[in-house]
């Protein structure tokens, strides 16, 4: 009996040579998978090196916006007229209550009224931190966008100086009348 418990068909009981071929194919498959995985990780790292400011800017802005969003919801509900003391007289909420509900309040209106009475704004420290993160994140992302645009324009300028067209340009905006298809002979059948 063979001591190879993972590949029992590589033993002489199963024909011998076929098992060795299978073992080699399995080894190659595993090696290729690790090679593909390593290439993917390397490609991801290279992409992150190029776009780190974009990722960082979006991450900071998202965290800041997430910190501000609950307080923004409370502020909107308060502006509409749902406050901690109930519906504010003369507000949009009071107009809706008197014209639509006529004293019998239920459903979404009662939910907003309850939310307006119980909800509070975040602390000033949280609001300041959230606002700062949002502004810094937007600034970092804007810096990345500006630098990317500068690199693109410098490549296009160098290509124009060298007489080459930048990649992705089409012929629709040519003013010199030269189109590559115009120099081809017409074939009439």
N, C-alpha and C. Protein backbone atom coordinates (compact mmCIF):
# COMPACT_ATOMS: atom_id res chain seq x y z
N UNK A 1 0.84 -1.17 0.00
CA UNK A 1 0.00 0.00 0.00
C UNK A 1 0.89 1.23 0.00
N UNK A 2 0.48 2.26 -0.69
CA UNK A 2 1.27 3.47 -0.83
C UNK A 2 1.04 4.39 0.36
N UNK A 3 2.05 5.17 0.70
CA UNK A 3 1.92 6.14 1.77
C UNK A 3 1.44 7.49 1.25
N UNK A 4 1.23 7.61 -0.06
CA UNK A 4 0.77 8.85 -0.66
C UNK A 4 -0.76 8.92 -0.55
N UNK A 5 -1.27 9.61 0.48
CA UNK A 5 -2.71 9.64 0.69
C UNK A 5 -3.40 10.70 -0.16
N UNK A 6 -2.67 11.66 -0.68
CA UNK A 6 -3.29 12.71 -1.47
C UNK A 6 -3.44 12.33 -2.94
N UNK A 7 -2.55 11.53 -3.44
CA UNK A 7 -2.61 11.09 -4.83
C UNK A 7 -2.51 9.56 -4.89
N UNK A 8 -3.55 8.84 -4.45
CA UNK A 8 -3.46 7.39 -4.44
C UNK A 8 -3.38 6.79 -5.84
N UNK A 9 -3.86 7.52 -6.86
CA UNK A 9 -3.82 7.00 -8.22
C UNK A 9 -2.44 7.14 -8.84
N UNK A 10 -1.48 7.69 -8.11
CA UNK A 10 -0.11 7.78 -8.61
C UNK A 10 0.68 6.53 -8.23
N UNK A 11 0.02 5.58 -7.63
CA UNK A 11 0.68 4.34 -7.22
C UNK A 11 0.62 3.32 -8.35
N UNK A 12 1.41 2.27 -8.26
CA UNK A 12 1.39 1.24 -9.31
C UNK A 12 0.02 0.56 -9.45
N UNK A 13 -0.84 0.61 -8.41
CA UNK A 13 -2.15 -0.04 -8.50
C UNK A 13 -3.01 0.58 -9.60
N UNK A 14 -2.80 1.86 -9.89
CA UNK A 14 -3.63 2.56 -10.87
C UNK A 14 -2.90 2.82 -12.18
N UNK A 15 -1.91 2.12 -12.45
CA UNK A 15 -1.23 2.25 -13.73
C UNK A 15 0.06 3.03 -13.67
N UNK A 16 0.43 3.56 -12.55
CA UNK A 16 1.73 4.17 -12.34
C UNK A 16 1.97 5.46 -13.07
N UNK A 17 2.32 5.44 -14.33
CA UNK A 17 2.76 6.61 -15.08
C UNK A 17 1.73 7.71 -15.19
N UNK A 18 0.46 7.38 -15.30
CA UNK A 18 -0.59 8.38 -15.42
C UNK A 18 -0.68 9.26 -14.19
N UNK A 19 -0.42 8.67 -13.05
CA UNK A 19 -0.48 9.42 -11.81
C UNK A 19 0.61 10.47 -11.74
N UNK A 20 1.77 10.14 -12.25
CA UNK A 20 2.87 11.10 -12.25
C UNK A 20 2.55 12.29 -13.16
N UNK A 21 1.90 12.00 -14.29
CA UNK A 21 1.49 13.09 -15.18
C UNK A 21 0.45 13.98 -14.51
N UNK A 22 -0.49 13.34 -13.78
CA UNK A 22 -1.51 14.12 -13.08
C UNK A 22 -0.87 14.97 -11.99
N UNK A 23 0.07 14.39 -11.26
CA UNK A 23 0.75 15.14 -10.20
C UNK A 23 1.49 16.35 -10.77
N UNK A 24 2.12 16.17 -11.93
CA UNK A 24 2.82 17.28 -12.57
C UNK A 24 1.84 18.34 -13.04
N UNK A 25 0.70 17.91 -13.61
CA UNK A 25 -0.32 18.87 -14.05
C UNK A 25 -0.89 19.64 -12.87
N UNK A 26 -1.11 18.95 -11.76
CA UNK A 26 -1.61 19.59 -10.55
C UNK A 26 -0.59 20.60 -10.01
N UNK A 27 0.68 20.22 -10.02
CA UNK A 27 1.73 21.13 -9.57
C UNK A 27 1.77 22.37 -10.44
N UNK A 28 1.66 22.21 -11.77
CA UNK A 28 1.67 23.35 -12.68
C UNK A 28 0.45 24.25 -12.47
N UNK A 29 -0.71 23.61 -12.26
CA UNK A 29 -1.93 24.38 -12.02
C UNK A 29 -1.80 25.25 -10.78
N UNK A 30 -1.31 24.66 -9.70
CA UNK A 30 -1.13 25.41 -8.46
C UNK A 30 -0.10 26.51 -8.66
N UNK A 31 0.99 26.21 -9.33
CA UNK A 31 2.02 27.21 -9.60
C UNK A 31 1.46 28.36 -10.43
N UNK A 32 0.68 28.02 -11.48
CA UNK A 32 0.09 29.06 -12.33
C UNK A 32 -0.89 29.92 -11.55
N UNK A 33 -1.66 29.30 -10.66
CA UNK A 33 -2.61 30.08 -9.87
C UNK A 33 -1.88 31.07 -8.96
N UNK A 34 -0.79 30.63 -8.33
CA UNK A 34 -0.03 31.55 -7.49
C UNK A 34 0.64 32.63 -8.34
N UNK A 35 1.07 32.29 -9.53
CA UNK A 35 1.68 33.27 -10.42
C UNK A 35 0.64 34.32 -10.84
N UNK A 36 -0.55 33.86 -11.19
CA UNK A 36 -1.62 34.78 -11.57
C UNK A 36 -2.00 35.65 -10.37
N UNK A 37 -2.10 35.05 -9.19
CA UNK A 37 -2.43 35.81 -7.98
C UNK A 37 -1.37 36.85 -7.67
N UNK A 38 -0.11 36.47 -7.81
CA UNK A 38 0.98 37.41 -7.55
C UNK A 38 0.97 38.55 -8.57
N UNK A 39 0.67 38.21 -9.84
CA UNK A 39 0.60 39.26 -10.86
C UNK A 39 -0.55 40.20 -10.58
N UNK A 40 -1.68 39.66 -10.13
CA UNK A 40 -2.83 40.50 -9.79
C UNK A 40 -2.49 41.43 -8.63
N UNK A 41 -1.85 40.90 -7.61
CA UNK A 41 -1.47 41.72 -6.45
C UNK A 41 -0.49 42.81 -6.89
N UNK A 42 0.47 42.47 -7.73
CA UNK A 42 1.43 43.46 -8.20
C UNK A 42 0.75 44.54 -9.03
N UNK A 43 -0.20 44.14 -9.88
CA UNK A 43 -0.93 45.11 -10.68
C UNK A 43 -1.77 46.02 -9.78
N UNK A 44 -2.38 45.46 -8.74
CA UNK A 44 -3.16 46.26 -7.80
C UNK A 44 -2.27 47.25 -7.06
N UNK A 45 -1.10 46.81 -6.62
CA UNK A 45 -0.16 47.69 -5.91
C UNK A 45 0.30 48.82 -6.83
N UNK A 46 0.60 48.50 -8.08
CA UNK A 46 1.02 49.54 -9.03
C UNK A 46 -0.10 50.55 -9.26
N UNK A 47 -1.34 50.06 -9.38
CA UNK A 47 -2.46 50.96 -9.58
C UNK A 47 -2.66 51.86 -8.36
N UNK A 48 -2.49 51.29 -7.17
CA UNK A 48 -2.66 52.08 -5.94
C UNK A 48 -1.57 53.14 -5.82
N UNK A 49 -0.36 52.83 -6.26
CA UNK A 49 0.71 53.83 -6.23
C UNK A 49 0.36 55.03 -7.09
N UNK A 50 -0.26 54.78 -8.22
CA UNK A 50 -0.62 55.86 -9.13
C UNK A 50 -1.82 56.64 -8.61
N UNK A 51 -2.78 55.95 -8.04
CA UNK A 51 -4.06 56.56 -7.67
C UNK A 51 -4.26 56.70 -6.17
N UNK A 52 -3.21 56.73 -5.38
CA UNK A 52 -3.36 56.77 -3.93
C UNK A 52 -4.07 58.02 -3.46
N UNK A 53 -3.82 59.16 -4.11
CA UNK A 53 -4.48 60.40 -3.71
C UNK A 53 -5.98 60.35 -4.01
N UNK A 54 -6.35 59.71 -5.09
CA UNK A 54 -7.78 59.58 -5.41
C UNK A 54 -8.46 58.71 -4.38
N UNK A 55 -7.86 57.59 -4.04
CA UNK A 55 -8.45 56.67 -3.07
C UNK A 55 -8.52 57.34 -1.69
N UNK A 56 -7.44 57.99 -1.31
CA UNK A 56 -7.41 58.66 -0.01
C UNK A 56 -8.43 59.80 0.05
N UNK A 57 -8.54 60.57 -1.01
CA UNK A 57 -9.50 61.67 -1.04
C UNK A 57 -10.93 61.19 -0.95
N UNK A 58 -11.26 60.16 -1.71
CA UNK A 58 -12.62 59.62 -1.68
C UNK A 58 -12.92 59.02 -0.32
N UNK A 59 -11.95 58.32 0.26
CA UNK A 59 -12.15 57.72 1.58
C UNK A 59 -12.39 58.78 2.65
N UNK A 60 -11.57 59.82 2.67
CA UNK A 60 -11.74 60.88 3.66
C UNK A 60 -13.07 61.61 3.48
N UNK A 61 -13.42 61.92 2.25
CA UNK A 61 -14.68 62.62 1.99
C UNK A 61 -15.87 61.75 2.37
N UNK A 62 -15.78 60.46 2.12
CA UNK A 62 -16.89 59.56 2.48
C UNK A 62 -17.06 59.47 3.98
N UNK A 63 -15.96 59.36 4.71
CA UNK A 63 -16.06 59.31 6.18
C UNK A 63 -16.63 60.63 6.70
N UNK A 64 -16.18 61.75 6.19
CA UNK A 64 -16.70 63.04 6.62
C UNK A 64 -18.17 63.20 6.32
N UNK A 65 -18.58 62.80 5.12
CA UNK A 65 -19.99 62.89 4.75
C UNK A 65 -20.85 61.98 5.62
N UNK A 66 -20.33 60.80 5.92
CA UNK A 66 -21.06 59.87 6.78
C UNK A 66 -21.23 60.44 8.19
N UNK A 67 -20.26 61.17 8.67
CA UNK A 67 -20.39 61.80 9.99
C UNK A 67 -21.40 62.94 9.98
N UNK A 68 -21.54 63.62 8.86
CA UNK A 68 -22.45 64.77 8.76
C UNK A 68 -23.87 64.40 8.38
N UNK A 69 -24.05 63.26 7.74
CA UNK A 69 -25.36 62.90 7.19
C UNK A 69 -26.48 62.84 8.23
N UNK A 70 -26.31 62.21 9.40
CA UNK A 70 -27.41 62.18 10.37
C UNK A 70 -27.82 63.59 10.82
N UNK A 71 -26.87 64.44 11.07
CA UNK A 71 -27.19 65.81 11.48
C UNK A 71 -27.86 66.58 10.36
N UNK A 72 -27.48 66.30 9.13
CA UNK A 72 -28.13 66.93 7.99
C UNK A 72 -29.60 66.52 7.92
N UNK A 73 -29.88 65.24 8.18
CA UNK A 73 -31.27 64.78 8.21
C UNK A 73 -32.08 65.46 9.30
N UNK A 74 -31.49 65.61 10.48
CA UNK A 74 -32.18 66.29 11.58
C UNK A 74 -32.43 67.74 11.22
N UNK A 75 -31.46 68.40 10.61
CA UNK A 75 -31.61 69.80 10.24
C UNK A 75 -32.71 69.98 9.20
N UNK A 76 -32.80 69.09 8.23
CA UNK A 76 -33.84 69.20 7.20
C UNK A 76 -35.22 69.02 7.83
N UNK A 77 -35.35 68.02 8.71
CA UNK A 77 -36.64 67.79 9.37
C UNK A 77 -37.02 69.00 10.22
N UNK A 78 -36.06 69.61 10.90
CA UNK A 78 -36.35 70.81 11.69
C UNK A 78 -36.74 71.99 10.82
N UNK A 79 -36.10 72.15 9.68
CA UNK A 79 -36.43 73.26 8.78
C UNK A 79 -37.84 73.10 8.22
N UNK A 80 -38.24 71.86 7.95
CA UNK A 80 -39.60 71.61 7.43
C UNK A 80 -40.64 71.96 8.48
N UNK A 81 -40.29 71.85 9.76
CA UNK A 81 -41.22 72.26 10.81
C UNK A 81 -41.45 71.25 11.91
N UNK A 82 -40.71 70.16 11.92
CA UNK A 82 -40.80 69.18 12.99
C UNK A 82 -39.68 69.47 13.98
N UNK A 83 -40.04 69.89 15.19
CA UNK A 83 -39.01 70.25 16.18
C UNK A 83 -39.20 69.44 17.46
N UNK A 84 -38.33 69.71 18.41
CA UNK A 84 -38.40 69.02 19.69
C UNK A 84 -39.67 69.34 20.47
N UNK A 85 -40.32 70.46 20.20
CA UNK A 85 -41.56 70.83 20.90
C UNK A 85 -42.80 70.51 20.08
N UNK A 86 -42.64 69.77 18.99
CA UNK A 86 -43.78 69.42 18.15
C UNK A 86 -43.72 70.15 16.84
N UNK A 87 -44.86 70.24 16.17
CA UNK A 87 -44.93 70.91 14.87
C UNK A 87 -44.89 72.42 15.09
N UNK A 88 -44.01 73.09 14.35
CA UNK A 88 -43.85 74.54 14.47
C UNK A 88 -44.98 75.22 13.70
N UNK A 89 -45.65 76.17 14.35
CA UNK A 89 -46.74 76.90 13.70
C UNK A 89 -46.25 77.74 12.54
N UNK A 90 -47.02 77.74 11.44
CA UNK A 90 -46.66 78.51 10.26
C UNK A 90 -45.65 77.83 9.37
N UNK A 91 -45.22 76.61 9.67
CA UNK A 91 -44.22 75.91 8.87
C UNK A 91 -44.90 75.04 7.82
N UNK A 92 -44.10 74.45 6.99
CA UNK A 92 -44.60 73.53 5.97
C UNK A 92 -45.29 72.34 6.63
N UNK A 93 -44.72 71.84 7.72
CA UNK A 93 -45.33 70.72 8.44
C UNK A 93 -46.71 71.09 8.97
N UNK A 94 -46.87 72.31 9.49
CA UNK A 94 -48.18 72.75 10.00
C UNK A 94 -49.18 72.89 8.86
N UNK A 95 -48.73 73.37 7.70
CA UNK A 95 -49.61 73.48 6.54
C UNK A 95 -50.09 72.10 6.09
N UNK A 96 -49.17 71.15 6.04
CA UNK A 96 -49.54 69.78 5.63
C UNK A 96 -50.50 69.17 6.65
N UNK A 97 -50.22 69.37 7.93
CA UNK A 97 -51.09 68.81 8.96
C UNK A 97 -52.50 69.37 8.85
N UNK A 98 -52.64 70.65 8.64
CA UNK A 98 -53.99 71.24 8.62
C UNK A 98 -54.73 70.94 7.32
N UNK A 99 -54.00 70.87 6.19
CA UNK A 99 -54.70 70.68 4.92
C UNK A 99 -54.90 69.21 4.54
N UNK A 100 -53.96 68.36 4.87
CA UNK A 100 -54.06 66.96 4.45
C UNK A 100 -54.64 66.08 5.56
N UNK A 101 -54.11 66.22 6.75
CA UNK A 101 -54.50 65.29 7.82
C UNK A 101 -55.70 65.79 8.64
N UNK A 102 -55.95 67.07 8.72
CA UNK A 102 -57.10 67.66 9.41
C UNK A 102 -57.28 67.11 10.81
N UNK A 103 -56.23 67.05 11.55
CA UNK A 103 -56.33 66.65 12.95
C UNK A 103 -56.04 65.19 13.20
N UNK A 104 -56.32 64.30 12.27
CA UNK A 104 -56.05 62.88 12.46
C UNK A 104 -54.70 62.57 11.84
N UNK A 105 -53.69 62.39 12.68
CA UNK A 105 -52.32 62.24 12.20
C UNK A 105 -51.91 60.78 12.32
N UNK A 106 -51.40 60.25 11.21
CA UNK A 106 -50.93 58.86 11.18
C UNK A 106 -49.87 58.71 10.09
N UNK A 107 -49.25 57.58 10.04
CA UNK A 107 -48.31 57.25 8.97
C UNK A 107 -47.01 58.02 9.02
N UNK A 108 -46.61 58.46 7.84
CA UNK A 108 -45.30 59.10 7.68
C UNK A 108 -45.24 60.43 8.43
N UNK A 109 -46.34 61.14 8.50
CA UNK A 109 -46.35 62.41 9.22
C UNK A 109 -46.05 62.19 10.69
N UNK A 110 -46.67 61.19 11.29
CA UNK A 110 -46.40 60.92 12.70
C UNK A 110 -44.97 60.45 12.92
N UNK A 111 -44.42 59.73 11.93
CA UNK A 111 -43.03 59.30 12.06
C UNK A 111 -42.10 60.52 12.05
N UNK A 112 -42.32 61.45 11.12
CA UNK A 112 -41.50 62.66 11.08
C UNK A 112 -41.67 63.49 12.36
N UNK A 113 -42.89 63.55 12.88
CA UNK A 113 -43.13 64.30 14.11
C UNK A 113 -42.37 63.67 15.27
N UNK A 114 -42.41 62.37 15.35
CA UNK A 114 -41.67 61.67 16.41
C UNK A 114 -40.16 61.85 16.23
N UNK A 115 -39.69 61.74 14.99
CA UNK A 115 -38.27 61.93 14.71
C UNK A 115 -37.84 63.35 15.08
N UNK A 116 -38.63 64.34 14.71
CA UNK A 116 -38.30 65.73 15.01
C UNK A 116 -38.26 66.02 16.50
N UNK A 117 -39.08 65.33 17.27
CA UNK A 117 -39.09 65.55 18.72
C UNK A 117 -37.92 64.87 19.42
N UNK A 118 -37.47 63.74 18.90
CA UNK A 118 -36.44 62.95 19.60
C UNK A 118 -35.03 63.14 19.07
N UNK A 119 -34.90 63.47 17.81
CA UNK A 119 -33.58 63.54 17.20
C UNK A 119 -32.83 64.79 17.64
N UNK A 120 -31.54 64.63 17.79
CA UNK A 120 -30.68 65.76 18.15
C UNK A 120 -29.51 65.82 17.17
N UNK A 121 -28.95 67.00 17.04
CA UNK A 121 -27.77 67.17 16.20
C UNK A 121 -26.56 66.54 16.89
N UNK A 122 -25.58 66.18 16.09
CA UNK A 122 -24.34 65.65 16.64
C UNK A 122 -23.61 66.76 17.40
N UNK A 123 -22.63 66.35 18.18
CA UNK A 123 -21.87 67.33 18.96
C UNK A 123 -21.08 68.24 18.01
N UNK A 124 -20.75 69.44 18.47
CA UNK A 124 -19.95 70.35 17.62
C UNK A 124 -18.61 69.73 17.21
N UNK A 125 -18.03 68.93 18.07
CA UNK A 125 -16.76 68.29 17.75
C UNK A 125 -16.94 67.32 16.58
N UNK A 126 -18.02 66.55 16.59
CA UNK A 126 -18.29 65.60 15.49
C UNK A 126 -18.56 66.34 14.20
N UNK A 127 -19.35 67.42 14.29
CA UNK A 127 -19.64 68.20 13.09
C UNK A 127 -18.39 68.84 12.51
N UNK A 128 -17.53 69.35 13.38
CA UNK A 128 -16.28 69.97 12.92
C UNK A 128 -15.37 68.94 12.27
N UNK A 129 -15.24 67.78 12.92
CA UNK A 129 -14.38 66.73 12.37
C UNK A 129 -14.93 66.22 11.04
N UNK A 130 -16.24 65.99 10.98
CA UNK A 130 -16.84 65.53 9.73
C UNK A 130 -16.68 66.54 8.61
N UNK A 131 -16.90 67.80 8.91
CA UNK A 131 -16.73 68.85 7.90
C UNK A 131 -15.28 68.96 7.43
N UNK A 132 -14.35 68.86 8.39
CA UNK A 132 -12.93 68.94 8.03
C UNK A 132 -12.53 67.76 7.15
N UNK A 133 -12.98 66.57 7.49
CA UNK A 133 -12.64 65.39 6.68
C UNK A 133 -13.24 65.50 5.27
N UNK A 134 -14.45 66.01 5.20
CA UNK A 134 -15.08 66.19 3.89
C UNK A 134 -14.31 67.18 3.03
N UNK A 135 -13.92 68.31 3.61
CA UNK A 135 -13.18 69.33 2.86
C UNK A 135 -11.79 68.84 2.49
N UNK A 136 -11.10 68.20 3.43
CA UNK A 136 -9.75 67.68 3.13
C UNK A 136 -9.81 66.60 2.07
N UNK A 137 -10.78 65.69 2.19
CA UNK A 137 -10.93 64.64 1.19
C UNK A 137 -11.21 65.19 -0.19
N UNK A 138 -12.10 66.18 -0.25
CA UNK A 138 -12.39 66.81 -1.55
C UNK A 138 -11.15 67.51 -2.10
N UNK A 139 -10.37 68.14 -1.22
CA UNK A 139 -9.15 68.81 -1.66
C UNK A 139 -8.11 67.83 -2.18
N UNK A 140 -7.94 66.71 -1.49
CA UNK A 140 -6.96 65.70 -1.92
C UNK A 140 -7.39 65.11 -3.26
N UNK A 141 -8.69 64.81 -3.41
CA UNK A 141 -9.17 64.28 -4.68
C UNK A 141 -9.02 65.32 -5.79
N UNK A 142 -9.30 66.58 -5.48
CA UNK A 142 -9.12 67.65 -6.46
C UNK A 142 -7.67 67.80 -6.89
N UNK A 143 -6.75 67.65 -5.93
CA UNK A 143 -5.32 67.71 -6.25
C UNK A 143 -4.94 66.58 -7.19
N UNK A 144 -5.43 65.37 -6.90
CA UNK A 144 -5.15 64.22 -7.76
C UNK A 144 -5.70 64.47 -9.17
N UNK A 145 -6.92 64.99 -9.26
CA UNK A 145 -7.52 65.26 -10.57
C UNK A 145 -6.72 66.30 -11.34
N UNK A 146 -6.28 67.34 -10.64
CA UNK A 146 -5.50 68.40 -11.27
C UNK A 146 -4.18 67.85 -11.80
N UNK A 147 -3.50 67.04 -11.00
CA UNK A 147 -2.21 66.47 -11.42
C UNK A 147 -2.40 65.52 -12.60
N UNK A 148 -3.46 64.74 -12.58
CA UNK A 148 -3.73 63.82 -13.68
C UNK A 148 -3.99 64.59 -14.97
N UNK A 149 -4.74 65.69 -14.87
CA UNK A 149 -5.03 66.51 -16.03
C UNK A 149 -3.75 67.15 -16.55
N UNK A 150 -2.89 67.61 -15.64
CA UNK A 150 -1.61 68.21 -16.07
C UNK A 150 -0.77 67.18 -16.83
N UNK A 151 -0.69 65.95 -16.31
CA UNK A 151 0.09 64.91 -16.99
C UNK A 151 -0.50 64.62 -18.37
N UNK A 152 -1.81 64.57 -18.47
CA UNK A 152 -2.45 64.29 -19.76
C UNK A 152 -2.15 65.39 -20.76
N UNK A 153 -2.27 66.64 -20.34
CA UNK A 153 -2.01 67.74 -21.25
C UNK A 153 -0.54 67.80 -21.66
N UNK A 154 0.38 67.46 -20.75
CA UNK A 154 1.79 67.48 -21.13
C UNK A 154 2.10 66.39 -22.14
N UNK A 155 1.45 65.23 -22.01
CA UNK A 155 1.64 64.15 -22.99
C UNK A 155 1.08 64.57 -24.33
N UNK A 156 -0.09 65.19 -24.34
CA UNK A 156 -0.67 65.65 -25.60
C UNK A 156 0.18 66.74 -26.24
N UNK A 157 0.74 67.63 -25.43
CA UNK A 157 1.58 68.70 -25.95
C UNK A 157 2.86 68.13 -26.56
N UNK A 158 3.48 67.17 -25.88
CA UNK A 158 4.68 66.53 -26.43
C UNK A 158 4.37 65.81 -27.73
N UNK A 159 3.21 65.16 -27.79
CA UNK A 159 2.83 64.46 -29.01
C UNK A 159 2.60 65.44 -30.15
N UNK A 160 2.03 66.60 -29.85
CA UNK A 160 1.80 67.61 -30.88
C UNK A 160 3.12 68.19 -31.38
N UNK A 161 4.07 68.36 -30.47
CA UNK A 161 5.38 68.89 -30.86
C UNK A 161 6.12 67.89 -31.73
N UNK A 162 6.00 66.60 -31.41
CA UNK A 162 6.67 65.55 -32.17
C UNK A 162 5.96 65.23 -33.47
N UNK A 163 4.79 65.80 -33.67
CA UNK A 163 4.03 65.53 -34.89
C UNK A 163 3.19 64.27 -34.80
N UNK A 164 3.09 63.70 -33.66
CA UNK A 164 2.27 62.50 -33.47
C UNK A 164 0.94 62.91 -32.87
N UNK A 165 -0.06 62.14 -33.16
CA UNK A 165 -1.37 62.39 -32.58
C UNK A 165 -1.48 61.62 -31.28
N UNK A 166 -2.07 62.22 -30.25
CA UNK A 166 -2.26 61.47 -29.01
C UNK A 166 -3.26 60.33 -29.20
N UNK A 167 -3.11 59.32 -28.39
CA UNK A 167 -4.01 58.18 -28.46
C UNK A 167 -5.43 58.61 -28.18
N UNK A 168 -6.38 58.01 -28.89
CA UNK A 168 -7.79 58.28 -28.63
C UNK A 168 -8.35 59.44 -29.42
N UNK A 169 -7.51 60.17 -30.16
CA UNK A 169 -8.02 61.27 -30.96
C UNK A 169 -8.71 60.70 -32.19
N UNK A 170 -9.82 61.27 -32.55
CA UNK A 170 -10.49 60.86 -33.78
C UNK A 170 -10.25 61.92 -34.85
N UNK A 171 -10.75 61.67 -36.03
CA UNK A 171 -10.51 62.58 -37.15
C UNK A 171 -11.62 63.59 -37.32
N UNK A 172 -12.58 63.63 -36.43
CA UNK A 172 -13.73 64.50 -36.61
C UNK A 172 -13.41 65.97 -36.43
N UNK A 173 -12.33 66.30 -35.74
CA UNK A 173 -12.04 67.70 -35.48
C UNK A 173 -10.86 68.21 -36.31
N UNK A 174 -10.50 67.50 -37.35
CA UNK A 174 -9.39 67.96 -38.20
C UNK A 174 -9.82 69.17 -39.01
N UNK A 175 -8.98 70.19 -39.00
CA UNK A 175 -9.26 71.38 -39.77
C UNK A 175 -8.38 71.47 -41.01
N UNK A 176 -7.38 70.59 -41.11
CA UNK A 176 -6.47 70.68 -42.23
C UNK A 176 -6.96 69.91 -43.46
N UNK A 177 -8.08 69.26 -43.37
CA UNK A 177 -8.65 68.56 -44.52
C UNK A 177 -8.02 67.22 -44.79
N UNK A 178 -7.03 66.81 -44.04
CA UNK A 178 -6.37 65.54 -44.28
C UNK A 178 -7.05 64.46 -43.46
N UNK A 179 -7.55 63.48 -44.15
CA UNK A 179 -8.17 62.33 -43.50
C UNK A 179 -7.51 61.08 -44.06
N UNK A 180 -7.16 60.12 -43.21
CA UNK A 180 -6.47 58.92 -43.70
C UNK A 180 -7.25 58.18 -44.78
N UNK A 181 -8.56 58.16 -44.71
CA UNK A 181 -9.35 57.41 -45.68
C UNK A 181 -9.43 58.11 -47.04
N UNK A 182 -9.09 59.40 -47.10
CA UNK A 182 -9.16 60.12 -48.37
C UNK A 182 -8.05 59.71 -49.31
N UNK A 183 -6.94 59.20 -48.78
CA UNK A 183 -5.81 58.83 -49.62
C UNK A 183 -5.92 57.42 -50.18
N UNK A 184 -6.95 56.70 -49.81
CA UNK A 184 -7.13 55.34 -50.31
C UNK A 184 -7.87 55.39 -51.63
N UNK A 185 -7.46 54.55 -52.57
CA UNK A 185 -8.16 54.55 -53.87
C UNK A 185 -9.57 53.97 -53.72
N UNK A 186 -10.47 54.51 -54.52
CA UNK A 186 -11.83 54.00 -54.51
C UNK A 186 -11.89 52.75 -55.37
N UNK A 187 -12.58 51.78 -54.86
CA UNK A 187 -12.75 50.52 -55.60
C UNK A 187 -14.19 50.49 -56.10
N UNK A 188 -14.34 50.48 -57.44
CA UNK A 188 -15.68 50.41 -58.03
C UNK A 188 -15.88 49.04 -58.61
N UNK A 189 -17.02 48.50 -58.35
CA UNK A 189 -17.33 47.16 -58.88
C UNK A 189 -18.48 47.20 -59.81
